Every structure is written in C-alpha cells, then in structure tokens.
Protein backbone atom coordinates (compact mmCIF):
# COMPACT_ATOMS: atom_id res chain seq x y z
CA MET A 1 101.76 39.97 123.37
CA GLN A 2 105.30 38.34 123.86
CA THR A 3 107.67 40.33 125.95
CA VAL A 4 111.34 39.86 125.50
CA SER A 5 113.96 41.11 127.39
CA ARG A 6 117.10 42.60 125.39
CA TYR A 7 120.42 43.94 127.22
CA LEU A 8 122.49 47.00 126.47
CA LEU A 9 125.80 45.90 127.79
CA GLN A 10 129.56 47.37 127.73
CA ASN A 11 131.31 44.30 126.68
CA THR A 12 133.92 44.30 129.34
CA VAL A 13 135.94 42.21 131.24
CA ILE A 14 135.61 42.66 134.92
CA VAL A 15 138.10 40.90 137.47
CA TYR A 16 136.57 40.43 140.57
CA GLN A 17 139.18 39.44 143.84
CA SER A 18 136.75 38.20 146.03
CA GLY A 19 132.91 36.81 145.91
CA PHE A 20 130.89 36.32 142.86
CA HIS A 21 129.38 38.96 140.58
CA GLY A 22 126.18 37.74 138.57
CA ARG A 23 123.25 37.85 141.60
CA ASN A 24 121.15 39.73 139.05
CA SER A 25 122.30 37.69 135.56
CA LYS A 26 119.45 35.96 133.44
CA VAL A 27 120.08 32.13 133.20
CA TYR A 28 118.60 31.56 129.67
CA ASP A 29 116.80 33.43 126.83
CA ARG A 30 113.24 32.04 126.18
CA ARG A 31 112.35 30.89 122.79
CA LEU A 32 109.94 32.84 120.56
CA LYS A 33 107.38 30.81 118.90
CA ILE A 34 105.58 32.42 115.84
CA TYR A 35 102.76 31.35 113.87
CA ARG A 36 101.42 31.22 110.42
CA GLY A 37 98.30 32.56 109.11
CA VAL A 38 97.82 35.32 111.97
CA ILE A 39 100.28 38.83 112.93
CA ASN A 40 102.63 38.01 115.50
CA PRO A 41 103.57 41.19 118.01
CA ILE A 42 106.78 40.84 119.62
CA THR A 43 107.37 43.59 122.41
CA PHE A 44 111.26 43.73 123.47
CA THR A 45 112.33 45.70 126.69
CA PHE A 46 115.61 46.77 127.00
CA LYS A 47 117.19 46.38 130.12
CA ASN A 48 120.91 46.41 132.21
CA GLU A 49 122.68 44.17 133.92
CA ASP A 50 121.00 45.10 136.80
CA GLN A 51 117.63 44.22 135.27
CA LYS A 52 116.85 48.07 135.40
CA LYS A 53 114.93 49.24 132.24
CA GLN A 54 116.69 51.56 130.08
CA ASN A 55 115.81 55.20 128.34
CA ILE A 56 115.70 54.27 124.27
CA VAL A 57 114.04 57.45 123.20
CA GLY A 58 115.70 58.56 120.17
CA LYS A 59 117.46 55.25 119.00
CA THR A 60 116.63 52.92 116.24
CA TYR A 61 116.46 49.07 116.47
CA GLN A 62 116.31 46.77 114.24
CA PHE A 63 115.03 43.31 114.17
CA ASN A 64 116.58 40.01 112.07
CA VAL A 65 115.71 36.72 111.61
CA ILE A 66 118.64 34.74 110.42
CA ASP A 67 118.72 31.28 108.46
CA SER A 68 120.56 28.75 111.23
CA GLU A 69 121.86 26.70 108.30
CA SER A 70 122.84 29.43 105.47
CA LYS A 71 123.28 31.87 108.53
CA LYS A 72 121.69 34.77 105.70
CA ALA A 73 118.97 37.26 106.96
CA VAL A 74 115.72 35.96 105.93
CA LEU A 75 113.59 38.97 107.47
CA THR A 76 114.94 42.24 108.88
CA ARG A 77 112.20 44.77 110.20
CA ASN A 78 112.82 48.00 112.17
CA LEU A 79 111.42 48.21 115.63
CA SER A 80 108.98 50.66 117.03
CA ILE A 81 109.73 52.62 120.15
CA LEU A 82 107.16 52.45 122.98
CA ASP A 83 109.30 54.19 125.37
CA ASP A 84 107.62 57.81 125.93
CA GLY A 85 110.23 58.91 128.20
CA SER A 86 107.76 60.11 130.63
CA THR A 87 108.07 57.60 133.69
CA ILE A 88 110.31 54.65 134.43
CA SER A 89 107.58 52.14 133.87
CA SER A 90 107.33 52.98 130.52
CA ARG A 91 110.91 52.84 129.70
CA GLY A 92 112.89 50.19 127.69
CA ASN A 93 110.17 49.02 125.73
CA ALA A 94 110.29 48.25 121.97
CA SER A 95 107.67 46.62 119.23
CA VAL A 96 107.45 44.78 115.80
CA GLU A 97 104.92 42.64 114.08
CA ILE A 98 105.46 39.81 112.32
CA THR A 99 102.86 39.03 109.33
CA ASP A 100 101.50 36.35 107.73
CA GLY A 101 103.07 37.66 104.59
CA ASP A 102 106.41 37.95 106.10
CA LEU A 103 106.55 34.16 106.80
CA LEU A 104 105.34 32.90 103.23
CA ALA A 105 108.89 32.16 101.96
CA LEU A 106 109.99 30.59 104.77
CA GLU A 107 110.35 27.27 105.85
CA ASN A 108 109.17 25.82 109.24
CA LYS A 109 112.09 25.15 111.65
CA PHE A 110 114.26 26.81 114.02
CA TYR A 111 116.01 30.23 113.43
CA GLU A 112 118.00 32.66 115.28
CA TYR A 113 117.02 36.38 115.79
CA SER A 114 119.11 39.32 116.78
CA VAL A 115 118.69 43.11 117.90
CA VAL A 116 121.16 45.72 116.98
CA GLU A 117 121.06 49.44 117.58
CA ILE A 118 121.45 51.31 114.50
CA LYS A 119 123.76 54.49 114.85
CA THR A 120 123.07 57.66 112.79
CA ASP A 121 126.03 57.16 110.65
CA GLY A 122 124.74 53.85 110.00
CA SER A 123 126.98 51.51 111.95
CA THR A 124 125.64 48.88 114.52
CA ILE A 125 125.96 48.04 117.87
CA VAL A 126 125.06 44.82 119.44
CA THR A 127 122.53 43.77 122.14
CA TYR A 128 122.54 40.78 123.90
CA ALA A 129 119.88 38.30 124.65
CA ASP A 130 121.32 37.55 128.66
CA THR A 131 123.72 38.81 130.60
CA SER A 132 126.37 36.10 129.56
CA TYR A 133 127.06 38.28 126.21
CA VAL A 134 125.20 35.68 124.09
CA SER A 135 124.14 38.23 121.30
CA SER A 136 121.21 35.59 119.05
CA GLY A 137 117.98 33.82 120.69
CA THR A 138 116.14 31.36 119.13
CA LEU A 139 112.88 31.35 116.84
CA GLU A 140 110.52 28.75 115.79
CA LEU A 141 108.27 29.21 113.16
CA LEU A 142 105.05 26.90 113.69
CA ASP A 143 101.93 26.31 111.48
CA GLY A 144 98.57 24.28 112.23
CA ALA A 145 97.47 26.50 115.05
CA PHE A 146 95.68 29.41 112.68
CA PRO A 147 94.14 28.87 108.93
CA GLN A 148 96.71 29.12 106.41
CA PHE A 149 97.13 31.20 103.41
CA LEU A 150 95.95 29.65 100.43
CA ALA A 151 97.04 30.46 96.81
CA SER A 152 94.62 31.85 94.02
CA ALA A 153 93.44 29.36 91.96
CA GLU A 154 94.82 30.01 88.43
CA ILE A 155 92.66 29.45 85.37
CA THR A 156 94.88 29.17 82.24
CA SER A 157 92.69 26.28 80.36
CA PHE A 158 89.52 27.67 78.30
CA THR A 159 89.17 24.52 76.11
CA HIS A 160 85.44 23.79 76.73
CA THR A 161 83.38 24.84 73.43
CA THR A 162 79.73 24.30 74.33
CA GLY A 163 79.96 27.35 77.33
CA PRO A 164 77.98 30.65 76.70
CA LEU A 165 81.06 32.43 75.12
CA ALA A 166 83.62 31.20 72.60
CA LYS A 167 85.77 29.96 74.94
CA THR A 168 85.06 28.35 78.44
CA SER A 169 86.69 26.91 81.46
CA GLY A 170 86.18 23.61 83.28
CA ALA A 171 84.41 23.73 86.56
CA ILE A 172 86.50 25.19 89.71
CA THR A 173 85.12 24.48 93.33
CA ALA A 174 83.92 27.43 95.00
CA TYR A 175 84.19 25.80 98.53
CA PRO A 176 80.45 26.80 100.13
CA GLY A 177 81.32 25.29 103.47
CA LYS A 178 84.30 27.58 103.63
CA ASN A 179 82.50 30.96 102.59
CA ASN A 180 79.02 30.63 104.21
CA ASN A 181 76.59 33.06 103.36
CA ASN A 182 78.19 35.85 102.97
CA ALA A 183 80.74 34.52 100.80
CA LEU A 184 83.03 37.01 98.88
CA HIS A 185 84.94 36.31 95.56
CA THR A 186 87.43 38.05 93.95
CA LEU A 187 89.35 37.59 90.49
CA ALA A 188 91.78 38.89 88.19
CA VAL A 189 91.54 38.71 84.45
CA TYR A 190 94.91 38.96 82.28
CA SER A 191 94.84 39.72 78.91
CA THR A 192 96.79 40.57 76.10
CA ASN A 193 95.32 43.16 73.86
CA PHE A 194 91.74 41.44 74.42
CA ALA A 195 88.52 43.52 73.84
CA GLY A 196 85.28 41.69 74.84
CA ARG A 197 83.19 40.29 77.37
CA VAL A 198 84.18 37.72 80.56
CA LYS A 199 81.18 35.67 81.76
CA VAL A 200 81.19 34.12 85.73
CA GLN A 201 78.77 31.07 85.89
CA GLY A 202 77.89 29.38 89.06
CA THR A 203 76.42 25.95 89.90
CA MET A 204 74.83 24.34 93.06
CA VAL A 205 75.74 20.92 91.14
CA THR A 206 78.78 19.17 93.25
CA THR A 207 79.96 16.55 90.67
CA SER A 208 80.61 17.07 86.81
CA PRO A 209 78.38 19.74 85.96
CA VAL A 210 76.97 19.96 82.39
CA ASP A 211 76.30 23.32 80.81
CA SER A 212 72.58 23.39 81.72
CA ASP A 213 73.69 23.37 85.30
CA TYR A 214 75.10 26.66 85.36
CA PHE A 215 73.55 30.14 85.87
CA ASP A 216 74.96 33.72 85.19
CA ILE A 217 76.50 35.46 87.83
CA THR A 218 78.03 38.53 86.53
CA ASN A 219 79.80 40.05 83.16
CA ILE A 220 83.07 41.82 83.16
CA ASP A 221 83.33 43.78 80.06
CA LEU A 222 87.41 44.36 79.10
CA THR A 223 89.02 46.74 76.72
CA THR A 224 92.42 46.51 74.82
CA SER A 225 93.71 49.17 77.67
CA ASP A 226 92.88 46.63 80.50
CA LYS A 227 95.68 44.35 80.87
CA ILE A 228 94.44 43.37 84.60
CA LYS A 229 90.88 43.83 85.06
CA TYR A 230 89.89 43.14 88.68
CA ALA A 231 86.24 42.03 89.98
CA ASN A 232 84.20 40.86 93.08
CA PHE A 233 80.86 39.07 93.39
CA ASN A 234 79.21 37.40 96.52
CA GLY A 235 77.56 34.29 96.74
CA VAL A 236 77.29 30.59 97.53
CA TYR A 237 78.42 28.18 95.12
CA GLN A 238 79.63 24.71 94.51
CA ASN A 239 81.53 25.13 91.57
CA VAL A 240 82.25 28.41 89.08
CA ARG A 241 83.52 28.38 85.81
CA PHE A 242 84.88 31.44 83.44
CA SER A 243 83.79 32.05 79.86
CA TYR A 244 84.83 34.65 77.38
CA GLY A 245 84.33 35.96 73.88
CA ASN A 246 85.97 38.76 71.74
CA SER A 247 84.17 42.06 70.62
CA VAL A 248 83.94 41.73 66.47
CA GLY A 249 87.21 42.30 65.09
CA ASN A 250 89.23 42.01 68.13
CA THR A 251 92.13 39.11 67.98
CA GLY A 252 93.03 39.52 71.79
CA THR A 253 93.60 36.41 74.36
CA VAL A 254 92.90 35.98 78.21
CA ASP A 255 95.83 35.01 79.17
CA LYS A 256 94.88 33.42 82.81
CA ILE A 257 92.36 34.40 85.58
CA LEU A 258 93.18 34.35 89.07
CA PHE A 259 90.35 33.33 91.25
CA ARG A 260 90.20 33.67 95.00
CA GLN A 261 87.44 31.87 97.11
C-alpha cells in the first residue's frame, strides 16, 4: 500500500529576522504510480509542517486526478478516513482505492492529483503536497505489469446457413490456453421482439472448423419480453459459435451477442 503525506497548512507569510525556518521541510513529493488491471490502494497521511500527524476525524477529503493537458478532472473520489482518533499513531490517515474500471477511459501518461477538504457548506480547502505550498502531486498511469481488461467479443453477423438453426455465426475463439480446465464463459443475447432458441456450440478444431466439427454445449430459450438474456457455461474449447431460430409465427431478431471468455 502506498502512503502519501499531505500537509494541512495555513498559507501565512512569516518573516524571520535571523536564522532559517524550514528544518522540518519536505524537500519533494514522491510521484505516484498506478497500474491497469488491478485495484490501486493509496493511503494519505495528513501532517503539519512539523511533520506531526493531524486529527482528521469528522472531516471529508476528496482526491482528484487532473489531466495535465486539458486541466480537467478525469477522476474524483472521496477518501475513507482511517483515523479513529484513539491514539497518536492512528491519526491523520485516509485512503482511496483506484480500480481498473476507473482507468478504462484514461490514457497512459502523467497526470496531476490533488486532495481538498470539503467543508459542510460545500466549499473546499486546499491541502499541500509539501511544505513549500505546492498543492498538486504527480501521478503516472502505467500498464504491462498486470493482465489487462479485454473487451467482450461482439457477434452481429449470423449469415452461416448450414448451422443447426436458421441463422448461425462464424467461429469465435474461446482462448483455451487462458481458460484452462475451469473455464467460465458468459454471454448476453440482445434481441428485439424475439421468441425462440439460441444454441451454443463448441469445437476442439483449431483452424477453419466445419459443421461436423461442432457439438452442442447449451441452449438458451427467449421470449419477446427478454430484451437482454444472460447465460453462463463452463468448458475448454478451441472455438465456439452461436445459432438461433425463431419460434413458429415469430419474426423478431437477435441483434447481437456479447461473449466473454
């Protein structure tokens, strides 16, 4: 868990006639690194310029990630106060979790971040990244260290005419090497006024499977009230395909199937 110091300072100009004020000053603020594919927990410690932790019980703090080019906030989260006020060692801590989903729309690059205190009237108070009254820190978004989110396969073409039902898709890879022996597959069938059956078939043939290579995995029955129908199935397959046929008298359509391996 990353721990970051934040400073609660009064922005007051102090004039010293002799000597040097700043023996406890923080020289620089450490850059934060967060990664795609995982939850990134970050803990903030709130101190004064003498490096003493401050009691933050009952306060509200907001963490903001800001695009360094557009200067717009791209992510905003409230901190969870960890300070229970019981001991000095427990004081001044708050945390936030940045999830993989939070990062989907963001580019890999450097961002600025800030933490502000939210007052009961909705106004905000600045906190500082160091004792030189710098309010923002630097955050770097990286990938490559952890498995990445992959979009679901989207099947919209059902033009194969010799499948088990009226309309059939082509072969879709099921990534057997990734799924291993406990493979869970999920799908969502999007339809319009459709009543009938969707059949899921699989094959262990790697390249250009033909109709005779497929075997049935599961059937999904829909009614006209099923705008989106979800289903799961388990198994290790080289490829799968989807086929559908309308009930007698029904003219609805299957618009698309989202398939996640």
